[in-house]
Amino acid sequence: MNQTLTSSLLWASAFRPFYFLGALYAPLLVAVWLGAFLGLWSLPSGQLLKLQHGHEFIFGFSAAIITGIVLTALPSWAGTEEILGRRLVLLVALWLLGRIAFWASPWLPALLPALVDCLLFPTMFIMLAPQLLRAANRLYLLLLPILFALFAANLIYHHGLLTANDTEAWLALRLAVYAIVVLYVLKGGVLTPIFTGNALREKGRGEPAPFNMTLEIAAVATLLLLAVLDLAAAPAPWTGCAALACALLYGWRCARWQGWRVADVPLVLVMHLGFAWLVLAFALKAAAELTGIVPEAAWLHAFTVGSLGLMMLGLMTRVSLRHTGRPLVVPPAMLVAYALMFVAALLRLAATVHGLGNAVVALAAALWAAAFMLYFLVFCKTLVTPSAPRSSP
């Protein structure tokens, strides 16, 4: 492989290429989907269009951002070797090939897009498993079943498409969403209280609540129970009770972090807002299953747009600043991006619950895309240029 390519600054850390491509892909994905949604051009209609939209949100856009976050965090938090150079180029190439194969699938042999699109997560698994097995903190091994679940979900999705089984494809996307929720509560549930505690101490506002392992185990176990019940199409009261238990446990968990005490620290506040949307998502899921007063899809939009969108923007901002040697001062444009994402979530949820029509859905999608476009415009140069020199201690 060309030495100049692998020595480029874009490959100096995993977040650089994956954030660059993911943030660029977000508005492109929305533009293509919105054009078809509004009838401006022709794409597959009906369920297939919705399936493709869901797939690329998860395995295209989200996969890029999640990969960048995970591969950048592990060396600092788990003490693993950083994935750089040719290995990083390989992962990025697999992501790109997956996107090309997905969009070119009408002109390719039936199995080829599925095979190419499913390579990213098993390759990550193979790269990370030996390192995580050597890590002192065995809890980081939980990442491996999450990667396997994402790989399995993608395989099941493509099998559903190849056999014209929409039910199977939708089930696969839901499995992938639950895998992301588990990763979200594990990783976000560590970083949010730590960053909150740092902010509290820095501002002289005391100490955060002590870590509660019993609560953490109960919260994750209840989430896994909800996932199993939902994916197995268990009776609605069972699933609804599990969702209600998640809402209560995660509400308690978030309240212990006391996010309101750092409301003047945007990088921390945005993470707490993300978890607030997660609690709302569980509550909406419970309401849908137990009473039917809201559509079942409401919880998915609360999580994917509100919770995941805000957490992604917050972590992308923090990582892009800290890992390039810049002070943790949020650029004003990113404050606008956080606000756009919050409003996008409100609009998308309102459109789902109240049936506000295509115009509101389109506006929510446009605001979601604009938030990531703002990130790209603010940080695109940072991602491809040298880090700022660190000041002496």
Protein backbone atom coordinates (compact mmCIF):
# COMPACT_ATOMS: atom_id res chain seq x y z
CA MET A 1 0.00 0.00 0.00
CA ASN A 2 1.25 3.48 -0.84
CA GLN A 3 3.28 4.85 2.12
CA THR A 4 2.17 8.43 1.39
CA LEU A 5 -1.47 7.39 1.74
CA THR A 6 -1.05 5.65 5.09
CA SER A 7 1.11 8.45 6.52
CA SER A 8 -1.46 11.14 5.70
CA LEU A 9 -2.83 13.08 8.66
CA LEU A 10 -6.28 11.73 7.86
CA TRP A 11 -5.08 8.37 9.21
CA ALA A 12 -3.45 9.77 12.37
CA SER A 13 -6.43 8.62 14.44
CA ALA A 14 -9.60 6.65 13.73
CA PHE A 15 -11.98 9.52 14.41
CA ARG A 16 -10.51 11.63 11.59
CA PRO A 17 -11.62 9.64 8.51
CA PHE A 18 -14.78 8.20 10.08
CA TYR A 19 -16.09 11.52 11.40
CA PHE A 20 -15.17 13.21 8.11
CA LEU A 21 -17.00 10.64 6.00
CA GLY A 22 -19.89 10.10 8.40
CA ALA A 23 -20.65 13.80 8.77
CA LEU A 24 -20.45 14.23 5.00
CA TYR A 25 -22.64 11.20 4.38
CA ALA A 26 -25.41 12.40 6.70
CA PRO A 27 -26.66 15.32 4.55
CA LEU A 28 -26.11 13.33 1.35
CA LEU A 29 -28.20 10.47 2.73
CA VAL A 30 -30.99 12.80 3.80
CA ALA A 31 -30.94 14.61 0.45
CA VAL A 32 -31.34 11.34 -1.48
CA TRP A 33 -34.05 10.04 0.85
CA LEU A 34 -35.94 13.35 1.02
CA GLY A 35 -35.97 13.68 -2.74
CA ALA A 36 -37.56 10.24 -3.04
CA PHE A 37 -39.85 10.82 -0.05
CA LEU A 38 -41.17 14.05 -1.61
CA GLY A 39 -41.42 12.50 -5.10
CA LEU A 40 -38.66 14.60 -6.69
CA TRP A 41 -36.98 11.53 -8.17
CA SER A 42 -37.51 7.81 -8.36
CA LEU A 43 -36.17 5.34 -5.83
CA PRO A 44 -37.71 2.10 -4.52
CA SER A 45 -41.12 2.92 -3.07
CA GLY A 46 -43.08 1.81 -0.05
CA GLN A 47 -41.50 -0.55 2.47
CA LEU A 48 -38.30 -0.99 0.48
CA LEU A 49 -37.55 2.75 0.57
CA LYS A 50 -38.14 2.78 4.34
CA LEU A 51 -35.94 -0.30 4.77
CA GLN A 52 -33.11 1.23 2.77
CA HIS A 53 -33.40 4.47 4.71
CA GLY A 54 -33.20 2.55 7.99
CA HIS A 55 -30.29 0.42 6.81
CA GLU A 56 -28.14 3.33 5.71
CA PHE A 57 -28.92 5.32 8.84
CA ILE A 58 -27.63 2.39 10.92
CA PHE A 59 -25.00 0.61 8.83
CA GLY A 60 -23.90 3.63 6.81
CA PHE A 61 -23.96 6.85 8.82
CA SER A 62 -24.15 5.49 12.38
CA ALA A 63 -21.57 2.78 11.70
CA ALA A 64 -19.05 5.43 10.65
CA ILE A 65 -19.54 7.63 13.71
CA ILE A 66 -19.70 4.70 16.15
CA THR A 67 -16.53 3.17 14.68
CA GLY A 68 -14.70 6.48 15.01
CA ILE A 69 -15.84 6.91 18.62
CA VAL A 70 -15.02 3.34 19.70
CA LEU A 71 -11.63 3.05 18.01
CA THR A 72 -10.54 6.43 19.38
CA ALA A 73 -11.76 5.77 22.93
CA LEU A 74 -10.39 2.26 23.47
CA PRO A 75 -6.66 3.16 23.59
CA SER A 76 -7.32 5.80 26.27
CA TRP A 77 -9.87 3.90 28.34
CA ALA A 78 -8.98 0.23 27.82
CA GLY A 79 -5.26 0.64 27.12
CA THR A 80 -5.47 -1.14 23.76
CA GLU A 81 -3.23 -0.52 20.78
CA GLU A 82 -4.53 2.23 18.51
CA ILE A 83 -5.80 1.12 15.09
CA LEU A 84 -3.77 3.20 12.64
CA GLY A 85 -2.14 3.10 9.22
CA ARG A 86 -3.02 0.24 6.94
CA ARG A 87 -5.51 -1.33 9.33
CA LEU A 88 -7.41 1.95 9.59
CA VAL A 89 -7.30 2.39 5.81
CA LEU A 90 -8.74 -1.12 5.47
CA LEU A 91 -11.67 -0.36 7.80
CA VAL A 92 -12.45 2.90 6.01
CA ALA A 93 -12.21 1.16 2.64
CA LEU A 94 -14.65 -1.53 3.80
CA TRP A 95 -17.10 1.14 4.95
CA LEU A 96 -16.80 2.96 1.62
CA LEU A 97 -17.13 -0.25 -0.40
CA GLY A 98 -20.24 -1.10 1.59
CA ARG A 99 -21.82 2.23 0.67
CA ILE A 100 -20.87 1.85 -3.00
CA ALA A 101 -22.19 -1.71 -3.10
CA PHE A 102 -25.42 -0.69 -1.39
CA TRP A 103 -26.24 2.11 -3.83
CA ALA A 104 -25.02 0.17 -6.86
CA SER A 105 -26.93 -2.99 -5.87
CA PRO A 106 -29.47 -2.75 -8.76
CA TRP A 107 -26.60 -3.26 -11.21
CA LEU A 108 -24.59 -5.86 -9.25
CA PRO A 109 -24.98 -9.63 -8.82
CA ALA A 110 -27.54 -10.31 -6.08
CA LEU A 111 -25.16 -11.58 -3.38
CA LEU A 112 -22.28 -9.15 -3.95
CA PRO A 113 -23.71 -6.06 -2.16
CA ALA A 114 -24.62 -8.16 0.88
CA LEU A 115 -21.18 -9.75 1.08
CA VAL A 116 -19.34 -6.45 0.74
CA ASP A 117 -21.63 -4.53 3.08
CA CYS A 118 -21.22 -7.08 5.89
CA LEU A 119 -17.41 -6.96 6.11
CA LEU A 120 -16.83 -3.97 8.40
CA PHE A 121 -17.97 -5.28 11.79
CA PRO A 122 -16.36 -8.76 11.59
CA THR A 123 -13.10 -7.11 10.54
CA MET A 124 -13.30 -4.80 13.56
CA PHE A 125 -14.06 -7.83 15.72
CA ILE A 126 -10.96 -9.65 14.46
CA MET A 127 -8.76 -6.59 15.03
CA LEU A 128 -10.08 -5.79 18.50
CA ALA A 129 -10.72 -9.21 20.06
CA PRO A 130 -7.06 -10.10 20.83
CA GLN A 131 -6.48 -6.65 22.34
CA LEU A 132 -9.63 -6.69 24.48
CA LEU A 133 -8.83 -10.19 25.72
CA ARG A 134 -5.57 -8.77 27.10
CA ALA A 135 -7.18 -5.66 28.63
CA ALA A 136 -7.05 -5.38 32.42
CA ASN A 137 -10.71 -4.34 32.63
CA ARG A 138 -12.70 -7.33 31.42
CA LEU A 139 -15.85 -5.23 31.03
CA TYR A 140 -14.50 -3.97 27.71
CA LEU A 141 -15.09 -7.48 26.34
CA LEU A 142 -18.78 -6.53 26.23
CA LEU A 143 -17.95 -4.66 23.02
CA LEU A 144 -17.39 -7.96 21.20
CA PRO A 145 -20.97 -9.32 21.43
CA ILE A 146 -22.23 -5.87 20.39
CA LEU A 147 -20.07 -5.99 17.25
CA PHE A 148 -21.27 -9.54 16.59
CA ALA A 149 -24.91 -8.46 17.01
CA LEU A 150 -24.42 -5.64 14.48
CA PHE A 151 -22.80 -8.06 12.03
CA ALA A 152 -25.60 -10.60 12.52
CA ALA A 153 -28.25 -7.90 12.09
CA ASN A 154 -26.73 -6.81 8.79
CA LEU A 155 -26.61 -10.41 7.56
CA ILE A 156 -30.23 -10.99 8.54
CA TYR A 157 -31.26 -7.73 6.85
CA HIS A 158 -29.67 -8.71 3.54
CA HIS A 159 -31.14 -12.21 3.76
CA GLY A 160 -34.55 -10.61 4.25
CA LEU A 161 -34.07 -8.46 1.16
CA LEU A 162 -32.82 -11.38 -0.96
CA THR A 163 -35.82 -13.51 0.04
CA ALA A 164 -38.31 -10.60 -0.20
CA ASN A 165 -39.09 -11.02 3.49
CA ASP A 166 -39.74 -7.49 4.76
CA THR A 167 -40.59 -8.75 8.24
CA GLU A 168 -37.17 -10.34 8.59
CA ALA A 169 -35.45 -7.20 7.32
CA TRP A 170 -37.33 -4.98 9.79
CA LEU A 171 -36.47 -7.37 12.61
CA ALA A 172 -32.80 -7.12 11.64
CA LEU A 173 -32.88 -3.33 11.77
CA ARG A 174 -34.53 -3.46 15.20
CA LEU A 175 -31.82 -5.86 16.42
CA ALA A 176 -29.20 -3.38 15.21
CA VAL A 177 -30.95 -0.51 17.02
CA TYR A 178 -30.97 -2.47 20.28
CA ALA A 179 -27.26 -3.27 19.84
CA ILE A 180 -26.59 0.45 19.48
CA VAL A 181 -28.76 1.24 22.53
CA VAL A 182 -26.74 -1.24 24.62
CA LEU A 183 -23.47 0.31 23.42
CA TYR A 184 -24.93 3.75 24.11
CA VAL A 185 -25.86 3.00 27.73
CA LEU A 186 -22.56 1.22 28.41
CA LYS A 187 -20.21 3.78 26.89
CA GLY A 188 -22.34 6.88 27.47
CA GLY A 189 -23.13 5.65 30.96
CA VAL A 190 -19.42 5.69 31.78
CA LEU A 191 -18.38 8.89 30.03
CA THR A 192 -21.32 11.09 31.08
CA PRO A 193 -20.88 10.78 34.85
CA ILE A 194 -17.08 11.01 34.54
CA PHE A 195 -17.21 14.22 32.49
CA THR A 196 -19.92 15.55 34.81
CA GLY A 197 -17.75 14.89 37.83
CA ASN A 198 -14.79 16.60 36.18
CA ALA A 199 -16.94 19.66 35.43
CA LEU A 200 -18.34 19.76 38.97
CA ARG A 201 -14.87 19.65 40.51
CA GLU A 202 -13.49 22.21 38.06
CA LYS A 203 -16.25 24.64 38.99
CA GLY A 204 -16.04 23.90 42.70
CA ARG A 205 -19.55 22.46 42.91
CA GLY A 206 -18.76 19.34 44.89
CA GLU A 207 -18.52 15.68 43.98
CA PRO A 208 -20.85 13.56 41.84
CA ALA A 209 -22.89 10.71 43.28
CA PRO A 210 -20.82 7.55 43.89
CA PHE A 211 -20.88 4.76 41.33
CA ASN A 212 -23.68 2.26 41.99
CA MET A 213 -22.82 -1.12 40.47
CA THR A 214 -26.15 -2.68 41.47
CA LEU A 215 -28.06 0.01 39.59
CA GLU A 216 -25.77 -0.33 36.55
CA ILE A 217 -26.26 -4.10 36.38
CA ALA A 218 -30.01 -3.80 36.85
CA ALA A 219 -30.27 -1.14 34.15
CA VAL A 220 -28.35 -3.16 31.56
CA ALA A 221 -30.13 -6.41 32.47
CA THR A 222 -33.54 -4.75 32.10
CA LEU A 223 -32.54 -3.29 28.74
CA LEU A 224 -31.46 -6.73 27.52
CA LEU A 225 -34.77 -8.16 28.74
CA LEU A 226 -36.66 -5.48 26.81
CA ALA A 227 -34.65 -6.25 23.68
CA VAL A 228 -35.32 -10.00 23.92
CA LEU A 229 -39.05 -9.52 24.54
CA ASP A 230 -39.44 -7.00 21.75
CA LEU A 231 -37.45 -9.00 19.19
CA ALA A 232 -39.33 -12.18 20.13
CA ALA A 233 -42.70 -10.43 19.68
CA ALA A 234 -43.69 -11.21 23.26
CA PRO A 235 -47.14 -10.14 24.49
CA ALA A 236 -47.43 -6.37 24.61
CA PRO A 237 -47.92 -6.16 28.41
CA TRP A 238 -44.62 -7.99 28.98
CA THR A 239 -42.70 -5.72 26.61
CA GLY A 240 -44.44 -2.65 27.97
CA CYS A 241 -43.56 -3.51 31.58
CA ALA A 242 -39.92 -4.07 30.62
CA ALA A 243 -39.89 -0.70 28.83
CA LEU A 244 -41.48 0.98 31.86
CA ALA A 245 -38.84 -0.59 34.12
CA CYS A 246 -36.15 0.77 31.78
CA ALA A 247 -37.69 4.25 31.91
CA LEU A 248 -37.70 4.19 35.72
CA LEU A 249 -34.20 2.73 36.13
CA TYR A 250 -32.60 5.00 33.55
CA GLY A 251 -34.48 7.98 34.93
CA TRP A 252 -33.04 7.20 38.37
CA ARG A 253 -29.60 6.62 36.86
CA CYS A 254 -29.63 9.97 35.05
CA ALA A 255 -31.01 11.86 38.05
CA ARG A 256 -28.06 10.62 40.14
CA TRP A 257 -25.67 12.28 37.66
CA GLN A 258 -27.21 15.71 38.42
CA GLY A 259 -26.82 17.10 34.95
CA TRP A 260 -28.64 20.32 35.86
CA ARG A 261 -25.61 21.31 37.94
CA VAL A 262 -23.48 21.54 34.77
CA ALA A 263 -26.07 23.18 32.52
CA ASP A 264 -23.50 25.89 31.73
CA VAL A 265 -21.02 23.35 30.31
CA PRO A 266 -22.33 22.61 26.78
CA LEU A 267 -20.14 19.55 26.14
CA VAL A 268 -21.55 17.88 29.24
CA LEU A 269 -25.09 19.23 29.03
CA VAL A 270 -25.58 17.82 25.52
CA MET A 271 -24.76 14.33 26.84
CA HIS A 272 -27.32 14.67 29.62
CA LEU A 273 -29.91 15.85 27.10
CA GLY A 274 -29.14 12.75 25.06
CA PHE A 275 -29.88 10.54 28.06
CA ALA A 276 -33.06 12.51 28.80
CA TRP A 277 -34.26 11.60 25.30
CA LEU A 278 -33.35 7.97 26.01
CA VAL A 279 -35.54 7.95 29.12
CA LEU A 280 -38.34 9.51 27.07
CA ALA A 281 -37.84 6.82 24.40
CA PHE A 282 -38.34 4.06 26.98
CA ALA A 283 -41.41 5.83 28.35
CA LEU A 284 -42.87 6.12 24.85
CA LYS A 285 -42.20 2.44 24.23
CA ALA A 286 -44.02 1.59 27.46
CA ALA A 287 -46.94 3.85 26.55
CA ALA A 288 -47.22 2.31 23.09
CA GLU A 289 -47.22 -1.28 24.37
CA LEU A 290 -49.36 -0.80 27.49
CA THR A 291 -51.93 1.74 26.30
CA GLY A 292 -51.54 2.28 22.55
CA ILE A 293 -51.89 6.06 23.01
CA VAL A 294 -48.76 6.69 20.92
CA PRO A 295 -47.46 4.89 17.81
CA GLU A 296 -44.83 2.25 18.50
CA ALA A 297 -42.39 4.03 16.17
CA ALA A 298 -42.31 7.08 18.46
CA TRP A 299 -39.71 5.56 20.77
CA LEU A 300 -37.40 4.80 17.83
CA HIS A 301 -37.45 8.39 16.65
CA ALA A 302 -36.91 9.68 20.19
CA PHE A 303 -33.80 7.50 20.45
CA THR A 304 -32.32 7.76 16.96
CA VAL A 305 -32.85 11.49 16.45
CA GLY A 306 -32.94 12.94 19.96
CA SER A 307 -30.78 10.65 22.06
CA LEU A 308 -28.29 9.26 19.56
CA GLY A 309 -28.08 12.47 17.53
CA LEU A 310 -27.24 14.67 20.52
CA MET A 311 -24.75 12.20 22.03
CA MET A 312 -22.99 11.80 18.68
CA LEU A 313 -22.65 15.54 18.17
CA GLY A 314 -21.39 16.02 21.72
CA LEU A 315 -18.79 13.26 21.54
CA MET A 316 -17.70 14.22 18.03
CA THR A 317 -17.11 17.79 19.22
CA ARG A 318 -15.20 16.71 22.33
CA VAL A 319 -13.03 14.18 20.52
CA SER A 320 -12.29 16.51 17.61
CA LEU A 321 -11.13 19.23 20.01
CA ARG A 322 -9.31 17.16 22.61
CA HIS A 323 -7.57 14.73 20.29
CA THR A 324 -6.23 17.53 18.10
CA GLY A 325 -4.80 19.47 21.03
CA ARG A 326 -7.41 22.22 21.06
CA PRO A 327 -9.14 23.63 24.16
CA LEU A 328 -12.54 22.17 25.05
CA VAL A 329 -14.42 25.27 24.01
CA VAL A 330 -17.50 24.57 21.90
CA PRO A 331 -17.53 26.64 18.68
CA PRO A 332 -20.71 28.77 18.45
CA ALA A 333 -21.78 26.93 15.30
CA MET A 334 -21.84 23.67 17.25
CA LEU A 335 -24.19 25.19 19.82
CA VAL A 336 -26.47 25.90 16.87
CA ALA A 337 -26.02 22.28 15.73
CA TYR A 338 -27.08 20.98 19.16
CA ALA A 339 -30.17 23.20 19.06
CA LEU A 340 -31.03 22.05 15.53
CA MET A 341 -30.78 18.41 16.59
CA PHE A 342 -33.01 19.00 19.61
CA VAL A 343 -35.65 20.73 17.46
CA ALA A 344 -35.36 18.01 14.81
CA ALA A 345 -36.13 15.41 17.48
CA LEU A 346 -39.13 17.37 18.72
CA LEU A 347 -40.51 17.75 15.21
CA ARG A 348 -39.92 14.11 14.26
CA LEU A 349 -41.61 12.92 17.43
CA ALA A 350 -44.54 15.32 16.96
CA ALA A 351 -44.95 14.17 13.36
CA THR A 352 -45.05 10.53 14.49
CA VAL A 353 -47.43 11.02 17.42
CA HIS A 354 -49.77 13.56 15.87
CA GLY A 355 -49.52 12.62 12.18
CA LEU A 356 -48.41 16.09 11.10
CA GLY A 357 -47.62 15.02 7.56
CA ASN A 358 -44.72 14.83 5.15
CA ALA A 359 -43.72 18.48 5.40
CA VAL A 360 -42.89 18.22 9.10
CA VAL A 361 -41.04 14.94 8.58
CA ALA A 362 -39.03 16.58 5.79
CA LEU A 363 -38.23 19.59 7.97
CA ALA A 364 -37.06 17.37 10.83
CA ALA A 365 -34.82 15.42 8.45
CA ALA A 366 -33.39 18.64 7.02
CA LEU A 367 -32.59 19.98 10.51
CA TRP A 368 -30.96 16.66 11.45
CA ALA A 369 -28.79 16.81 8.34
CA ALA A 370 -27.99 20.49 8.92
CA ALA A 371 -26.66 19.69 12.40
CA PHE A 372 -24.11 17.25 10.99
CA MET A 373 -23.36 19.54 8.08
CA LEU A 374 -22.46 22.25 10.59
CA TYR A 375 -20.10 19.81 12.31
CA PHE A 376 -18.49 19.06 8.95
CA LEU A 377 -18.07 22.73 8.09
CA VAL A 378 -16.59 23.53 11.51
CA PHE A 379 -14.23 20.56 11.79
CA CYS A 380 -13.44 19.36 8.25
CA LYS A 381 -10.13 21.30 8.21
CA THR A 382 -9.29 20.18 11.75
CA LEU A 383 -9.71 16.53 10.75
CA VAL A 384 -7.13 16.72 7.95
CA THR A 385 -4.54 19.12 9.44
CA PRO A 386 -1.94 18.68 12.21
CA SER A 387 -2.97 18.80 15.83
CA ALA A 388 -2.33 22.02 17.69
CA PRO A 389 0.84 21.99 19.80
CA ARG A 390 0.10 21.11 23.40
CA SER A 391 1.05 23.72 25.95
CA SER A 392 3.72 22.82 28.49
CA PRO A 393 2.51 21.66 31.90
